[in-house]
């Protein structure tokens, strides 16, 4: 098994490409070791000293490290953990995976606008941020303000504010006049 690695715009996050499917559908975010109980792969990765976050996409795994740890020191252990996982035959996530878009549900008078927001996120934004090892999901819409949740390499990335304001906000405002601002949320 050959696992490729790619840097991301977030220097604390590295993208691993195992050359096979990671998530059949959707994504999975593990912002801490406490959240990894249902994922044998995430547990293996959190066992490596210095790992602070794990994120699974369709064909990639992103790992976020503590600032006190160097990639040169933990990268071999992470590659070993990923290889060991795929050789074990264990599932990426145990139990029934409930697949959804990752977006928060929204009902009410703005449901048509929210549908347009989600459509633009799914077709224009999410494929681009997946290339960088992350994901952005809809969290809410209130009086012209769109609330988005950043995951994987996007969470904590130094350029995430620029991505939100200059990229996503401009895109949404261009296509949906009701949108006046985009703000990040921590979940």
N, C-alpha and C. Protein backbone atom coordinates (compact mmCIF):
# COMPACT_ATOMS: atom_id res chain seq x y z
N UNK A 1 0.85 -1.18 0.00
CA UNK A 1 0.00 0.00 0.00
C UNK A 1 0.89 1.24 0.00
N UNK A 2 0.59 2.17 -0.90
CA UNK A 2 1.34 3.42 -0.98
C UNK A 2 0.41 4.55 -0.57
N UNK A 3 0.78 5.30 0.46
CA UNK A 3 -0.02 6.41 0.96
C UNK A 3 0.68 7.72 0.60
N UNK A 4 -0.01 8.53 -0.19
CA UNK A 4 0.54 9.84 -0.55
C UNK A 4 0.20 10.85 0.54
N UNK A 5 1.04 11.87 0.66
CA UNK A 5 0.72 12.97 1.57
C UNK A 5 0.77 14.27 0.79
N UNK A 6 -0.08 15.21 1.21
CA UNK A 6 -0.09 16.53 0.61
C UNK A 6 -0.18 17.55 1.72
N UNK A 7 0.51 18.65 1.54
CA UNK A 7 0.37 19.74 2.51
C UNK A 7 -0.97 20.42 2.25
N UNK A 8 -1.44 21.16 3.23
CA UNK A 8 -2.69 21.91 3.10
C UNK A 8 -2.36 23.38 3.40
N UNK A 9 -3.30 24.29 3.13
CA UNK A 9 -3.04 25.69 3.49
C UNK A 9 -2.86 25.89 5.00
N UNK A 10 -3.32 24.94 5.78
CA UNK A 10 -3.16 25.00 7.24
C UNK A 10 -1.88 24.26 7.60
N UNK A 11 -0.84 24.94 8.07
CA UNK A 11 0.43 24.27 8.36
C UNK A 11 0.34 23.22 9.47
N UNK A 12 -0.72 23.26 10.27
CA UNK A 12 -0.88 22.28 11.35
C UNK A 12 -1.63 21.03 10.88
N UNK A 13 -2.03 20.99 9.60
CA UNK A 13 -2.80 19.87 9.08
C UNK A 13 -2.14 19.29 7.83
N UNK A 14 -2.08 17.96 7.78
CA UNK A 14 -1.51 17.25 6.64
C UNK A 14 -2.57 16.31 6.07
N UNK A 15 -2.61 16.20 4.75
CA UNK A 15 -3.60 15.37 4.06
C UNK A 15 -2.94 14.06 3.63
N UNK A 16 -3.58 12.93 3.98
CA UNK A 16 -3.09 11.60 3.63
C UNK A 16 -4.06 10.97 2.64
N UNK A 17 -3.52 10.46 1.53
CA UNK A 17 -4.33 9.82 0.49
C UNK A 17 -3.95 8.33 0.42
N UNK A 18 -4.80 7.45 1.01
CA UNK A 18 -4.44 6.03 1.04
C UNK A 18 -4.63 5.29 -0.28
N UNK A 19 -5.17 5.96 -1.31
CA UNK A 19 -5.35 5.30 -2.59
C UNK A 19 -6.60 4.44 -2.65
N UNK A 20 -7.46 4.56 -1.67
CA UNK A 20 -8.74 3.87 -1.67
C UNK A 20 -9.76 4.68 -0.89
N UNK A 21 -11.00 4.26 -0.97
CA UNK A 21 -12.08 5.00 -0.33
C UNK A 21 -11.89 5.06 1.17
N UNK A 22 -12.14 6.23 1.75
CA UNK A 22 -12.12 6.40 3.20
C UNK A 22 -13.57 6.43 3.68
N UNK A 23 -14.36 7.37 3.14
CA UNK A 23 -15.78 7.46 3.46
C UNK A 23 -16.58 7.22 2.18
N UNK A 24 -17.52 6.28 2.22
CA UNK A 24 -18.35 6.02 1.05
C UNK A 24 -19.14 7.26 0.65
N UNK A 25 -19.72 7.91 1.67
CA UNK A 25 -20.48 9.14 1.45
C UNK A 25 -20.22 10.08 2.61
N UNK A 26 -20.29 11.37 2.35
CA UNK A 26 -20.17 12.34 3.43
C UNK A 26 -18.77 12.45 3.98
N UNK A 27 -18.68 13.04 5.16
CA UNK A 27 -17.41 13.25 5.84
C UNK A 27 -17.59 12.90 7.31
N UNK A 28 -16.48 12.80 8.02
CA UNK A 28 -16.53 12.56 9.47
C UNK A 28 -15.45 13.41 10.12
N UNK A 29 -15.84 14.16 11.13
CA UNK A 29 -14.93 15.07 11.80
C UNK A 29 -14.74 14.62 13.25
N UNK A 30 -13.49 14.51 13.67
CA UNK A 30 -13.14 14.13 15.04
C UNK A 30 -12.24 15.23 15.59
N UNK A 31 -12.83 16.28 16.20
CA UNK A 31 -12.03 17.40 16.67
C UNK A 31 -11.20 17.10 17.92
N UNK A 32 -11.43 15.92 18.54
CA UNK A 32 -10.63 15.53 19.70
C UNK A 32 -10.69 14.01 19.84
N UNK A 33 -9.79 13.46 20.63
CA UNK A 33 -9.76 12.02 20.85
C UNK A 33 -11.05 11.51 21.49
N UNK A 34 -11.70 12.35 22.29
CA UNK A 34 -12.95 11.97 22.96
C UNK A 34 -14.06 11.64 21.98
N UNK A 35 -14.00 12.16 20.78
CA UNK A 35 -15.06 11.97 19.80
C UNK A 35 -14.82 10.78 18.88
N UNK A 36 -13.72 10.06 19.08
CA UNK A 36 -13.31 9.02 18.14
C UNK A 36 -13.74 7.60 18.50
N UNK A 37 -14.63 7.42 19.50
CA UNK A 37 -14.93 6.06 19.96
C UNK A 37 -15.47 5.13 18.88
N UNK A 38 -16.20 5.63 17.89
CA UNK A 38 -16.81 4.76 16.88
C UNK A 38 -15.92 4.57 15.65
N UNK A 39 -14.71 5.09 15.69
CA UNK A 39 -13.83 4.95 14.53
C UNK A 39 -12.49 4.33 14.91
N UNK A 40 -12.29 3.06 14.51
CA UNK A 40 -11.00 2.42 14.77
C UNK A 40 -9.83 3.19 14.13
N UNK A 41 -10.05 3.76 12.95
CA UNK A 41 -8.98 4.51 12.29
C UNK A 41 -8.65 5.79 13.06
N UNK A 42 -9.68 6.54 13.46
CA UNK A 42 -9.43 7.77 14.22
C UNK A 42 -8.74 7.45 15.55
N UNK A 43 -9.14 6.36 16.21
CA UNK A 43 -8.50 5.98 17.48
C UNK A 43 -7.02 5.69 17.27
N UNK A 44 -6.69 5.00 16.18
CA UNK A 44 -5.27 4.70 15.88
C UNK A 44 -4.48 5.99 15.67
N UNK A 45 -5.08 6.94 14.97
CA UNK A 45 -4.38 8.19 14.69
C UNK A 45 -4.22 9.03 15.94
N UNK A 46 -5.24 9.07 16.79
CA UNK A 46 -5.13 9.83 18.04
C UNK A 46 -4.13 9.19 19.01
N UNK A 47 -3.81 7.92 18.81
CA UNK A 47 -2.83 7.25 19.66
C UNK A 47 -1.41 7.79 19.42
N UNK A 48 -1.22 8.47 18.29
CA UNK A 48 0.08 9.08 17.99
C UNK A 48 0.18 10.39 18.78
N UNK A 49 1.22 10.51 19.57
CA UNK A 49 1.44 11.68 20.42
C UNK A 49 1.46 12.96 19.60
N UNK A 50 0.63 13.94 19.96
CA UNK A 50 0.63 15.23 19.29
C UNK A 50 -0.52 15.43 18.33
N UNK A 51 -1.33 14.40 18.06
CA UNK A 51 -2.47 14.54 17.15
C UNK A 51 -3.61 15.23 17.91
N UNK A 52 -4.15 16.30 17.31
CA UNK A 52 -5.23 17.05 17.97
C UNK A 52 -6.55 17.00 17.20
N UNK A 53 -6.55 16.51 15.96
CA UNK A 53 -7.78 16.43 15.19
C UNK A 53 -7.62 15.48 14.01
N UNK A 54 -8.74 14.83 13.65
CA UNK A 54 -8.76 13.89 12.52
C UNK A 54 -10.03 14.17 11.72
N UNK A 55 -9.92 14.14 10.39
CA UNK A 55 -11.06 14.38 9.52
C UNK A 55 -10.99 13.40 8.36
N UNK A 56 -12.15 12.79 8.02
CA UNK A 56 -12.22 11.85 6.89
C UNK A 56 -13.05 12.44 5.78
N UNK A 57 -12.52 12.40 4.57
CA UNK A 57 -13.27 12.77 3.37
C UNK A 57 -13.49 11.52 2.54
N UNK A 58 -13.93 11.69 1.32
CA UNK A 58 -14.21 10.57 0.44
C UNK A 58 -12.98 9.68 0.22
N UNK A 59 -11.85 10.29 -0.12
CA UNK A 59 -10.65 9.52 -0.42
C UNK A 59 -9.42 10.02 0.33
N UNK A 60 -9.64 10.74 1.43
CA UNK A 60 -8.50 11.28 2.16
C UNK A 60 -8.77 11.32 3.66
N UNK A 61 -7.66 11.43 4.40
CA UNK A 61 -7.68 11.62 5.84
C UNK A 61 -6.82 12.85 6.11
N UNK A 62 -7.34 13.81 6.89
CA UNK A 62 -6.48 14.90 7.31
C UNK A 62 -6.24 14.77 8.80
N UNK A 63 -5.03 15.06 9.19
CA UNK A 63 -4.63 14.99 10.59
C UNK A 63 -4.09 16.36 10.98
N UNK A 64 -4.56 16.84 12.13
CA UNK A 64 -4.09 18.12 12.67
C UNK A 64 -3.22 17.82 13.89
N UNK A 65 -2.10 18.52 13.98
CA UNK A 65 -1.14 18.28 15.07
C UNK A 65 -1.05 19.49 15.99
N UNK A 66 -0.52 19.25 17.15
CA UNK A 66 -0.24 20.33 18.10
C UNK A 66 0.94 21.15 17.58
N UNK A 67 0.99 22.42 17.95
CA UNK A 67 2.08 23.29 17.51
C UNK A 67 3.44 22.85 18.06
N UNK A 68 3.43 22.12 19.16
CA UNK A 68 4.68 21.70 19.80
C UNK A 68 5.33 20.48 19.14
N UNK A 69 4.66 19.90 18.15
CA UNK A 69 5.14 18.68 17.49
C UNK A 69 5.51 19.00 16.04
N UNK A 70 6.57 18.38 15.56
CA UNK A 70 7.01 18.57 14.17
C UNK A 70 6.50 17.41 13.31
N UNK A 71 6.11 17.72 12.06
CA UNK A 71 5.63 16.68 11.15
C UNK A 71 6.68 15.59 10.94
N UNK A 72 7.94 15.97 10.86
CA UNK A 72 9.00 14.98 10.64
C UNK A 72 9.01 13.91 11.73
N UNK A 73 8.58 14.26 12.94
CA UNK A 73 8.60 13.32 14.05
C UNK A 73 7.39 12.40 14.08
N UNK A 74 6.22 12.89 13.63
CA UNK A 74 5.01 12.05 13.76
C UNK A 74 4.51 11.46 12.44
N UNK A 75 4.96 11.99 11.32
CA UNK A 75 4.47 11.50 10.02
C UNK A 75 4.69 10.00 9.83
N UNK A 76 5.87 9.45 10.16
CA UNK A 76 6.04 7.99 9.99
C UNK A 76 5.05 7.18 10.83
N UNK A 77 4.76 7.63 12.05
CA UNK A 77 3.80 6.92 12.90
C UNK A 77 2.39 7.00 12.34
N UNK A 78 2.04 8.14 11.75
CA UNK A 78 0.72 8.30 11.16
C UNK A 78 0.56 7.42 9.92
N UNK A 79 1.59 7.40 9.08
CA UNK A 79 1.56 6.51 7.91
C UNK A 79 1.40 5.06 8.35
N UNK A 80 2.13 4.68 9.41
CA UNK A 80 2.02 3.31 9.94
C UNK A 80 0.64 3.01 10.47
N UNK A 81 0.02 3.97 11.16
CA UNK A 81 -1.32 3.78 11.72
C UNK A 81 -2.35 3.60 10.61
N UNK A 82 -2.24 4.38 9.54
CA UNK A 82 -3.18 4.27 8.42
C UNK A 82 -3.00 2.92 7.72
N UNK A 83 -1.74 2.54 7.48
CA UNK A 83 -1.47 1.26 6.82
C UNK A 83 -1.98 0.10 7.67
N UNK A 84 -1.70 0.16 8.97
CA UNK A 84 -2.14 -0.88 9.90
C UNK A 84 -3.67 -1.00 9.88
N UNK A 85 -4.35 0.13 9.83
CA UNK A 85 -5.81 0.11 9.81
C UNK A 85 -6.32 -0.63 8.57
N UNK A 86 -5.82 -0.24 7.40
CA UNK A 86 -6.32 -0.86 6.16
C UNK A 86 -5.96 -2.34 6.07
N UNK A 87 -4.85 -2.75 6.66
CA UNK A 87 -4.48 -4.16 6.67
C UNK A 87 -5.30 -4.96 7.67
N UNK A 88 -5.85 -4.30 8.68
CA UNK A 88 -6.62 -4.99 9.72
C UNK A 88 -7.99 -5.44 9.24
N UNK A 89 -8.53 -4.77 8.23
CA UNK A 89 -9.88 -5.08 7.77
C UNK A 89 -10.97 -4.42 8.60
N UNK A 90 -10.58 -3.65 9.63
CA UNK A 90 -11.56 -2.94 10.45
C UNK A 90 -12.29 -1.88 9.62
N UNK A 91 -13.54 -1.58 9.97
CA UNK A 91 -14.23 -0.49 9.26
C UNK A 91 -13.65 0.86 9.67
N UNK A 92 -13.84 1.86 8.85
CA UNK A 92 -13.39 3.20 9.20
C UNK A 92 -14.23 3.72 10.37
N UNK A 93 -15.54 3.46 10.28
CA UNK A 93 -16.47 3.81 11.36
C UNK A 93 -17.33 2.59 11.66
N UNK A 94 -17.42 2.23 12.94
CA UNK A 94 -18.20 1.06 13.34
C UNK A 94 -19.68 1.39 13.38
N UNK A 95 -20.51 0.35 13.15
CA UNK A 95 -21.95 0.52 13.23
C UNK A 95 -22.52 1.11 11.96
N UNK A 96 -23.78 1.44 12.02
CA UNK A 96 -24.46 2.03 10.86
C UNK A 96 -24.04 3.47 10.69
N UNK A 97 -23.55 3.77 9.51
CA UNK A 97 -23.19 5.15 9.21
C UNK A 97 -24.42 5.86 8.67
N UNK A 98 -24.89 6.83 9.41
CA UNK A 98 -26.01 7.62 8.93
C UNK A 98 -25.43 8.68 8.01
N UNK A 99 -25.74 8.56 6.74
CA UNK A 99 -25.18 9.49 5.77
C UNK A 99 -26.09 10.69 5.60
N UNK A 100 -25.54 11.85 5.71
CA UNK A 100 -26.28 13.05 5.39
C UNK A 100 -25.34 14.04 4.73
N UNK A 101 -25.87 15.17 4.36
CA UNK A 101 -25.07 16.15 3.64
C UNK A 101 -24.07 16.86 4.54
N UNK A 102 -24.25 16.74 5.85
CA UNK A 102 -23.41 17.47 6.78
C UNK A 102 -23.98 18.83 7.12
N UNK A 103 -24.97 19.26 6.34
CA UNK A 103 -25.60 20.56 6.57
C UNK A 103 -26.65 20.45 7.67
N UNK A 104 -26.79 21.53 8.44
CA UNK A 104 -27.86 21.60 9.44
C UNK A 104 -29.20 21.73 8.72
N UNK A 105 -30.23 21.19 9.33
CA UNK A 105 -31.58 21.32 8.77
C UNK A 105 -32.07 22.74 9.01
N UNK A 106 -32.91 23.21 8.10
CA UNK A 106 -33.47 24.56 8.25
C UNK A 106 -34.87 24.55 7.65
N UNK A 107 -35.83 24.93 8.45
CA UNK A 107 -37.20 25.04 7.95
C UNK A 107 -37.70 26.44 8.24
N UNK A 108 -38.73 26.83 7.54
CA UNK A 108 -39.28 28.16 7.79
C UNK A 108 -39.34 28.97 6.52
N UNK A 109 -39.56 30.26 6.71
CA UNK A 109 -39.79 31.14 5.57
C UNK A 109 -38.57 31.31 4.67
N UNK A 110 -37.38 31.07 5.19
CA UNK A 110 -36.15 31.22 4.38
C UNK A 110 -35.71 29.91 3.73
N UNK A 111 -36.55 28.90 3.73
CA UNK A 111 -36.11 27.58 3.26
C UNK A 111 -35.67 27.58 1.80
N UNK A 112 -36.28 28.43 0.96
CA UNK A 112 -35.86 28.50 -0.44
C UNK A 112 -34.45 29.09 -0.56
N UNK A 113 -34.20 30.15 0.20
CA UNK A 113 -32.86 30.78 0.21
C UNK A 113 -31.83 29.79 0.74
N UNK A 114 -32.17 29.10 1.82
CA UNK A 114 -31.26 28.12 2.41
C UNK A 114 -30.95 27.00 1.42
N UNK A 115 -31.95 26.58 0.67
CA UNK A 115 -31.73 25.56 -0.37
C UNK A 115 -30.72 26.04 -1.40
N UNK A 116 -30.82 27.30 -1.79
CA UNK A 116 -29.86 27.86 -2.75
C UNK A 116 -28.46 27.93 -2.15
N UNK A 117 -28.38 28.32 -0.87
CA UNK A 117 -27.08 28.39 -0.18
C UNK A 117 -26.43 27.02 -0.16
N UNK A 118 -27.19 26.00 0.24
CA UNK A 118 -26.66 24.64 0.32
C UNK A 118 -26.22 24.13 -1.06
N UNK A 119 -27.00 24.44 -2.08
CA UNK A 119 -26.67 24.04 -3.45
C UNK A 119 -25.34 24.65 -3.89
N UNK A 120 -25.16 25.94 -3.63
CA UNK A 120 -23.89 26.60 -3.99
C UNK A 120 -22.72 26.02 -3.19
N UNK A 121 -22.95 25.77 -1.90
CA UNK A 121 -21.89 25.17 -1.08
C UNK A 121 -21.49 23.80 -1.64
N UNK A 122 -22.50 22.98 -1.98
CA UNK A 122 -22.23 21.62 -2.46
C UNK A 122 -21.57 21.59 -3.83
N UNK A 123 -21.94 22.52 -4.71
CA UNK A 123 -21.42 22.46 -6.08
C UNK A 123 -20.16 23.30 -6.30
N UNK A 124 -20.02 24.40 -5.56
CA UNK A 124 -18.90 25.31 -5.81
C UNK A 124 -17.84 25.33 -4.70
N UNK A 125 -18.27 25.24 -3.45
CA UNK A 125 -17.35 25.46 -2.33
C UNK A 125 -16.74 24.15 -1.82
N UNK A 126 -17.58 23.20 -1.49
CA UNK A 126 -17.09 21.97 -0.85
C UNK A 126 -16.09 21.19 -1.70
N UNK A 127 -16.31 21.07 -3.02
CA UNK A 127 -15.28 20.36 -3.82
C UNK A 127 -13.91 21.06 -3.75
N UNK A 128 -13.91 22.38 -3.71
CA UNK A 128 -12.65 23.13 -3.65
C UNK A 128 -11.96 22.94 -2.31
N UNK A 129 -12.71 23.03 -1.21
CA UNK A 129 -12.06 22.88 0.09
C UNK A 129 -11.67 21.43 0.37
N UNK A 130 -12.36 20.48 -0.26
CA UNK A 130 -11.96 19.07 -0.12
C UNK A 130 -10.57 18.85 -0.72
N UNK A 131 -10.24 19.61 -1.78
CA UNK A 131 -8.91 19.52 -2.37
C UNK A 131 -7.84 19.91 -1.36
N UNK A 132 -8.21 20.80 -0.42
CA UNK A 132 -7.27 21.23 0.62
C UNK A 132 -7.41 20.42 1.90
N UNK A 133 -8.22 19.35 1.87
CA UNK A 133 -8.33 18.47 3.04
C UNK A 133 -9.34 18.90 4.08
N UNK A 134 -10.35 19.66 3.68
CA UNK A 134 -11.34 20.10 4.65
C UNK A 134 -12.75 20.05 4.12
N UNK A 135 -13.66 20.64 4.88
CA UNK A 135 -15.05 20.71 4.49
C UNK A 135 -15.68 21.93 5.16
N UNK A 136 -16.70 22.45 4.54
CA UNK A 136 -17.46 23.57 5.09
C UNK A 136 -18.93 23.21 4.96
N UNK A 137 -19.66 23.27 6.07
CA UNK A 137 -21.07 22.91 6.05
C UNK A 137 -21.93 24.06 6.56
N UNK A 138 -23.17 24.08 6.07
CA UNK A 138 -24.15 25.08 6.47
C UNK A 138 -24.57 24.80 7.90
N UNK A 139 -24.61 25.87 8.71
CA UNK A 139 -25.04 25.72 10.11
C UNK A 139 -26.30 26.53 10.41
N UNK A 140 -26.50 27.63 9.69
CA UNK A 140 -27.70 28.42 9.93
C UNK A 140 -27.78 29.66 9.06
N UNK A 141 -28.98 30.24 9.01
CA UNK A 141 -29.20 31.48 8.26
C UNK A 141 -30.18 32.32 9.06
N UNK A 142 -29.77 33.55 9.37
CA UNK A 142 -30.62 34.41 10.18
C UNK A 142 -30.42 35.86 9.75
N UNK A 143 -31.47 36.50 9.27
CA UNK A 143 -31.46 37.91 8.88
C UNK A 143 -30.28 38.28 7.97
N UNK A 144 -30.08 37.45 6.94
CA UNK A 144 -29.05 37.74 5.96
C UNK A 144 -27.66 37.22 6.30
N UNK A 145 -27.49 36.66 7.50
CA UNK A 145 -26.18 36.15 7.90
C UNK A 145 -26.16 34.63 7.77
N UNK A 146 -25.18 34.12 7.03
CA UNK A 146 -25.01 32.69 6.84
C UNK A 146 -23.94 32.22 7.83
N UNK A 147 -24.26 31.18 8.59
CA UNK A 147 -23.32 30.62 9.56
C UNK A 147 -22.80 29.30 9.00
N UNK A 148 -21.48 29.18 8.89
CA UNK A 148 -20.85 27.99 8.33
C UNK A 148 -19.90 27.36 9.34
N UNK A 149 -19.83 26.03 9.28
CA UNK A 149 -18.94 25.28 10.16
C UNK A 149 -17.77 24.74 9.33
N UNK A 150 -16.55 25.06 9.76
CA UNK A 150 -15.36 24.63 9.04
C UNK A 150 -14.77 23.41 9.72
N UNK A 151 -14.40 22.40 8.91
CA UNK A 151 -13.89 21.14 9.44
C UNK A 151 -12.59 20.74 8.75
N UNK A 152 -11.90 19.79 9.36
CA UNK A 152 -10.66 19.27 8.78
C UNK A 152 -9.60 20.35 8.70
N UNK A 153 -8.94 20.42 7.56
CA UNK A 153 -7.86 21.40 7.39
C UNK A 153 -8.36 22.84 7.47
N UNK A 154 -9.66 23.03 7.22
CA UNK A 154 -10.22 24.40 7.25
C UNK A 154 -10.34 24.94 8.67
N UNK A 155 -10.58 24.06 9.64
CA UNK A 155 -10.72 24.50 11.02
C UNK A 155 -9.37 24.98 11.53
N UNK A 156 -9.31 26.20 11.95
CA UNK A 156 -8.07 26.74 12.49
C UNK A 156 -7.04 27.15 11.46
N UNK A 157 -7.39 27.09 10.19
CA UNK A 157 -6.45 27.48 9.14
C UNK A 157 -6.27 28.99 9.15
N UNK A 158 -5.02 29.47 9.04
CA UNK A 158 -4.78 30.91 9.04
C UNK A 158 -5.51 31.64 7.90
N UNK A 159 -5.73 30.97 6.76
CA UNK A 159 -6.39 31.64 5.64
C UNK A 159 -7.90 31.40 5.62
N UNK A 160 -8.46 30.77 6.66
CA UNK A 160 -9.90 30.46 6.65
C UNK A 160 -10.76 31.72 6.67
N UNK A 161 -10.35 32.75 7.38
CA UNK A 161 -11.14 33.99 7.41
C UNK A 161 -11.17 34.62 6.03
N UNK A 162 -10.04 34.62 5.35
CA UNK A 162 -9.97 35.14 3.99
C UNK A 162 -10.85 34.31 3.06
N UNK A 163 -10.80 32.98 3.19
CA UNK A 163 -11.63 32.10 2.38
C UNK A 163 -13.11 32.41 2.60
N UNK A 164 -13.51 32.58 3.85
CA UNK A 164 -14.90 32.88 4.17
C UNK A 164 -15.33 34.22 3.61
N UNK A 165 -14.55 35.24 3.90
CA UNK A 165 -14.96 36.60 3.54
C UNK A 165 -14.80 36.90 2.05
N UNK A 166 -13.64 36.63 1.50
CA UNK A 166 -13.37 37.01 0.12
C UNK A 166 -13.92 35.99 -0.88
N UNK A 167 -13.95 34.74 -0.48
CA UNK A 167 -14.39 33.71 -1.41
C UNK A 167 -15.87 33.37 -1.27
N UNK A 168 -16.21 32.75 -0.16
CA UNK A 168 -17.56 32.22 0.02
C UNK A 168 -18.59 33.34 0.15
N UNK A 169 -18.28 34.36 0.95
CA UNK A 169 -19.23 35.45 1.12
C UNK A 169 -19.51 36.16 -0.20
N UNK A 170 -18.46 36.43 -0.97
CA UNK A 170 -18.65 37.08 -2.27
C UNK A 170 -19.46 36.20 -3.22
N UNK A 171 -19.19 34.91 -3.23
CA UNK A 171 -19.92 33.98 -4.09
C UNK A 171 -21.41 33.96 -3.73
N UNK A 172 -21.71 33.80 -2.44
CA UNK A 172 -23.10 33.73 -2.01
C UNK A 172 -23.83 35.06 -2.25
N UNK A 173 -23.16 36.16 -1.97
CA UNK A 173 -23.80 37.47 -2.18
C UNK A 173 -24.07 37.73 -3.66
N UNK A 174 -23.19 37.22 -4.52
CA UNK A 174 -23.37 37.40 -5.97
C UNK A 174 -24.63 36.68 -6.46
N UNK A 175 -24.83 35.45 -6.02
CA UNK A 175 -25.95 34.64 -6.50
C UNK A 175 -27.22 34.80 -5.67
N UNK A 176 -27.09 35.19 -4.41
CA UNK A 176 -28.25 35.29 -3.52
C UNK A 176 -28.22 36.66 -2.84
N UNK A 177 -28.97 37.61 -3.36
CA UNK A 177 -28.93 38.99 -2.83
C UNK A 177 -29.32 39.09 -1.35
N UNK A 178 -30.09 38.13 -0.85
CA UNK A 178 -30.50 38.17 0.56
C UNK A 178 -29.35 37.94 1.52
N UNK A 179 -28.25 37.37 1.05
CA UNK A 179 -27.09 37.12 1.90
C UNK A 179 -26.30 38.42 2.04
N UNK A 180 -26.06 38.82 3.31
CA UNK A 180 -25.29 40.03 3.55
C UNK A 180 -23.93 39.76 4.18
N UNK A 181 -23.80 38.60 4.86
CA UNK A 181 -22.55 38.30 5.54
C UNK A 181 -22.43 36.79 5.77
N UNK A 182 -21.18 36.33 5.89
CA UNK A 182 -20.91 34.93 6.24
C UNK A 182 -20.05 34.93 7.49
N UNK A 183 -20.42 34.10 8.46
CA UNK A 183 -19.66 33.99 9.71
C UNK A 183 -19.38 32.54 10.03
N UNK A 184 -18.20 32.28 10.62
CA UNK A 184 -17.88 30.91 11.04
C UNK A 184 -18.53 30.61 12.39
N UNK A 185 -18.82 29.32 12.63
CA UNK A 185 -19.30 28.88 13.95
C UNK A 185 -18.46 27.70 14.40
N UNK A 186 -18.28 27.59 15.69
CA UNK A 186 -17.61 26.42 16.26
C UNK A 186 -18.71 25.54 16.83
N UNK A 187 -18.65 24.27 16.52
CA UNK A 187 -19.69 23.36 17.00
C UNK A 187 -19.14 22.50 18.12
